[in-house]
Amino acid sequence: MKTITISDEIYEKLIQIKGNRSFNQLLDDLLSKDVEKRIDLLIEAASKTGYEKELEEISKQIRTNFKVRT
């Protein structure tokens, strides 16, 4: 376990969105969503190049490695 320091402002924002989740779960969810968004943007960009199938395979591996929901 590690300790991190955040500003009071950020702490208050996290409190507002965390709901019943732990801070650990909240941060994991936020990080996973960011990865998912980036994957979707890459696939969209690849659709214009003809490499979408290859990128979809890579994205499956990324989702698995980062435990992103599919």
N, C-alpha and C. Protein backbone atom coordinates (compact mmCIF):
# COMPACT_ATOMS: atom_id res chain seq x y z
N MET A 1 0.85 -1.17 0.00
CA MET A 1 0.00 0.00 0.00
C MET A 1 0.89 1.24 0.00
N LYS A 2 0.46 2.25 -0.73
CA LYS A 2 1.19 3.51 -0.85
C LYS A 2 0.30 4.66 -0.43
N THR A 3 0.92 5.72 0.02
CA THR A 3 0.20 6.94 0.39
C THR A 3 0.49 8.00 -0.66
N ILE A 4 -0.57 8.70 -1.10
CA ILE A 4 -0.39 9.81 -2.04
C ILE A 4 -0.98 11.07 -1.42
N THR A 5 -0.51 12.21 -1.88
CA THR A 5 -1.01 13.49 -1.40
C THR A 5 -1.72 14.19 -2.54
N ILE A 6 -2.94 14.67 -2.26
CA ILE A 6 -3.71 15.42 -3.25
C ILE A 6 -4.22 16.69 -2.58
N SER A 7 -4.58 17.66 -3.39
CA SER A 7 -5.10 18.92 -2.84
C SER A 7 -6.50 18.70 -2.26
N ASP A 8 -6.88 19.58 -1.37
CA ASP A 8 -8.23 19.51 -0.80
C ASP A 8 -9.30 19.61 -1.88
N GLU A 9 -9.03 20.43 -2.89
CA GLU A 9 -9.98 20.61 -3.98
C GLU A 9 -10.22 19.30 -4.73
N ILE A 10 -9.15 18.60 -5.05
CA ILE A 10 -9.28 17.32 -5.75
C ILE A 10 -9.96 16.29 -4.85
N TYR A 11 -9.61 16.28 -3.59
CA TYR A 11 -10.23 15.36 -2.64
C TYR A 11 -11.74 15.56 -2.62
N GLU A 12 -12.19 16.80 -2.56
CA GLU A 12 -13.62 17.09 -2.54
C GLU A 12 -14.31 16.62 -3.83
N LYS A 13 -13.64 16.80 -4.96
CA LYS A 13 -14.20 16.33 -6.24
C LYS A 13 -14.33 14.81 -6.24
N LEU A 14 -13.32 14.12 -5.73
CA LEU A 14 -13.37 12.66 -5.67
C LEU A 14 -14.47 12.18 -4.74
N ILE A 15 -14.63 12.84 -3.61
CA ILE A 15 -15.70 12.49 -2.66
C ILE A 15 -17.07 12.58 -3.34
N GLN A 16 -17.25 13.62 -4.16
CA GLN A 16 -18.54 13.83 -4.82
C GLN A 16 -18.88 12.74 -5.82
N ILE A 17 -17.88 12.14 -6.46
CA ILE A 17 -18.17 11.15 -7.51
C ILE A 17 -17.97 9.70 -7.06
N LYS A 18 -17.43 9.48 -5.87
CA LYS A 18 -17.08 8.12 -5.48
C LYS A 18 -18.27 7.25 -5.10
N GLY A 19 -19.34 7.83 -4.56
CA GLY A 19 -20.49 7.02 -4.18
C GLY A 19 -20.12 6.01 -3.11
N ASN A 20 -20.56 4.76 -3.30
CA ASN A 20 -20.28 3.69 -2.34
C ASN A 20 -18.95 3.00 -2.57
N ARG A 21 -18.25 3.40 -3.61
CA ARG A 21 -16.97 2.77 -3.93
C ARG A 21 -15.86 3.26 -3.01
N SER A 22 -14.83 2.44 -2.88
CA SER A 22 -13.63 2.89 -2.18
C SER A 22 -12.87 3.83 -3.11
N PHE A 23 -11.94 4.59 -2.56
CA PHE A 23 -11.11 5.44 -3.41
C PHE A 23 -10.32 4.58 -4.39
N ASN A 24 -9.87 3.43 -3.96
CA ASN A 24 -9.13 2.52 -4.83
C ASN A 24 -9.98 2.11 -6.03
N GLN A 25 -11.23 1.72 -5.78
CA GLN A 25 -12.14 1.33 -6.86
C GLN A 25 -12.42 2.51 -7.78
N LEU A 26 -12.64 3.68 -7.19
CA LEU A 26 -12.93 4.87 -7.97
C LEU A 26 -11.77 5.19 -8.92
N LEU A 27 -10.55 5.22 -8.40
CA LEU A 27 -9.40 5.53 -9.24
C LEU A 27 -9.19 4.47 -10.31
N ASP A 28 -9.40 3.21 -9.97
CA ASP A 28 -9.27 2.14 -10.96
C ASP A 28 -10.30 2.32 -12.07
N ASP A 29 -11.54 2.64 -11.71
CA ASP A 29 -12.59 2.89 -12.71
C ASP A 29 -12.22 4.07 -13.61
N LEU A 30 -11.76 5.16 -13.01
CA LEU A 30 -11.40 6.34 -13.80
C LEU A 30 -10.25 6.05 -14.75
N LEU A 31 -9.25 5.32 -14.29
CA LEU A 31 -8.11 4.99 -15.15
C LEU A 31 -8.53 4.04 -16.27
N SER A 32 -9.39 3.09 -15.96
CA SER A 32 -9.86 2.15 -16.98
C SER A 32 -10.66 2.85 -18.06
N LYS A 33 -11.48 3.80 -17.66
CA LYS A 33 -12.28 4.54 -18.64
C LYS A 33 -11.38 5.33 -19.58
N ASP A 34 -10.32 5.89 -19.05
CA ASP A 34 -9.38 6.65 -19.86
C ASP A 34 -8.74 5.73 -20.91
N VAL A 35 -8.35 4.54 -20.51
CA VAL A 35 -7.75 3.58 -21.44
C VAL A 35 -8.77 3.19 -22.50
N GLU A 36 -10.01 2.92 -22.07
CA GLU A 36 -11.06 2.55 -23.01
C GLU A 36 -11.31 3.65 -24.03
N LYS A 37 -11.33 4.89 -23.58
CA LYS A 37 -11.56 6.02 -24.48
C LYS A 37 -10.43 6.11 -25.51
N ARG A 38 -9.21 5.93 -25.07
CA ARG A 38 -8.07 5.99 -25.99
C ARG A 38 -8.11 4.87 -27.02
N ILE A 39 -8.50 3.67 -26.57
CA ILE A 39 -8.62 2.54 -27.49
C ILE A 39 -9.67 2.85 -28.56
N ASP A 40 -10.82 3.37 -28.14
CA ASP A 40 -11.88 3.70 -29.09
C ASP A 40 -11.42 4.75 -30.10
N LEU A 41 -10.68 5.74 -29.64
CA LEU A 41 -10.16 6.77 -30.55
C LEU A 41 -9.18 6.18 -31.55
N LEU A 42 -8.34 5.25 -31.10
CA LEU A 42 -7.39 4.60 -32.01
C LEU A 42 -8.11 3.77 -33.07
N ILE A 43 -9.13 3.03 -32.65
CA ILE A 43 -9.89 2.22 -33.60
C ILE A 43 -10.58 3.11 -34.63
N GLU A 44 -11.14 4.19 -34.17
CA GLU A 44 -11.80 5.14 -35.08
C GLU A 44 -10.80 5.68 -36.11
N ALA A 45 -9.62 6.04 -35.64
CA ALA A 45 -8.59 6.55 -36.55
C ALA A 45 -8.13 5.47 -37.51
N ALA A 46 -8.02 4.24 -37.03
CA ALA A 46 -7.55 3.14 -37.88
C ALA A 46 -8.56 2.78 -38.96
N SER A 47 -9.83 3.03 -38.71
CA SER A 47 -10.85 2.68 -39.69
C SER A 47 -10.63 3.41 -41.01
N LYS A 48 -9.92 4.52 -40.96
CA LYS A 48 -9.64 5.30 -42.16
C LYS A 48 -8.39 4.79 -42.90
N THR A 49 -7.63 3.91 -42.25
CA THR A 49 -6.37 3.44 -42.84
C THR A 49 -6.45 2.03 -43.39
N GLY A 50 -7.49 1.28 -43.01
CA GLY A 50 -7.59 -0.10 -43.45
C GLY A 50 -6.96 -1.08 -42.47
N TYR A 51 -6.47 -0.61 -41.33
CA TYR A 51 -5.84 -1.47 -40.35
C TYR A 51 -6.72 -1.73 -39.13
N GLU A 52 -8.02 -1.54 -39.28
CA GLU A 52 -8.90 -1.67 -38.12
C GLU A 52 -8.91 -3.07 -37.52
N LYS A 53 -8.80 -4.12 -38.35
CA LYS A 53 -8.80 -5.49 -37.80
C LYS A 53 -7.57 -5.74 -36.94
N GLU A 54 -6.43 -5.29 -37.42
CA GLU A 54 -5.20 -5.45 -36.64
C GLU A 54 -5.28 -4.68 -35.33
N LEU A 55 -5.81 -3.48 -35.40
CA LEU A 55 -5.90 -2.66 -34.20
C LEU A 55 -6.94 -3.23 -33.23
N GLU A 56 -7.99 -3.83 -33.74
CA GLU A 56 -8.99 -4.45 -32.87
C GLU A 56 -8.35 -5.60 -32.09
N GLU A 57 -7.50 -6.38 -32.73
CA GLU A 57 -6.79 -7.46 -32.02
C GLU A 57 -5.88 -6.90 -30.93
N ILE A 58 -5.17 -5.86 -31.26
CA ILE A 58 -4.29 -5.22 -30.27
C ILE A 58 -5.12 -4.65 -29.12
N SER A 59 -6.25 -4.06 -29.45
CA SER A 59 -7.09 -3.47 -28.41
C SER A 59 -7.64 -4.55 -27.46
N LYS A 60 -7.92 -5.74 -27.98
CA LYS A 60 -8.35 -6.85 -27.11
C LYS A 60 -7.27 -7.18 -26.10
N GLN A 61 -6.02 -7.19 -26.55
CA GLN A 61 -4.91 -7.47 -25.65
C GLN A 61 -4.77 -6.37 -24.61
N ILE A 62 -4.92 -5.12 -25.03
CA ILE A 62 -4.83 -3.99 -24.10
C ILE A 62 -5.95 -4.08 -23.07
N ARG A 63 -7.16 -4.34 -23.53
CA ARG A 63 -8.29 -4.44 -22.60
C ARG A 63 -8.06 -5.54 -21.57
N THR A 64 -7.52 -6.67 -22.03
CA THR A 64 -7.22 -7.77 -21.12
C THR A 64 -6.14 -7.38 -20.12
N ASN A 65 -5.08 -6.75 -20.60
CA ASN A 65 -3.97 -6.38 -19.72
C ASN A 65 -4.36 -5.31 -18.71
N PHE A 66 -5.26 -4.41 -19.09
CA PHE A 66 -5.68 -3.34 -18.20
C PHE A 66 -7.00 -3.65 -17.52
N LYS A 67 -7.53 -4.84 -17.79
CA LYS A 67 -8.80 -5.29 -17.20
C LYS A 67 -9.91 -4.29 -17.47
N VAL A 68 -9.96 -3.78 -18.70
CA VAL A 68 -10.99 -2.84 -19.11
C VAL A 68 -12.21 -3.65 -19.51
N ARG A 69 -13.38 -3.15 -19.12
CA ARG A 69 -14.61 -3.83 -19.49
C ARG A 69 -14.81 -3.75 -20.99
N THR A 70 -15.30 -4.85 -21.58
CA THR A 70 -15.58 -4.84 -23.03
C THR A 70 -17.06 -4.76 -23.29
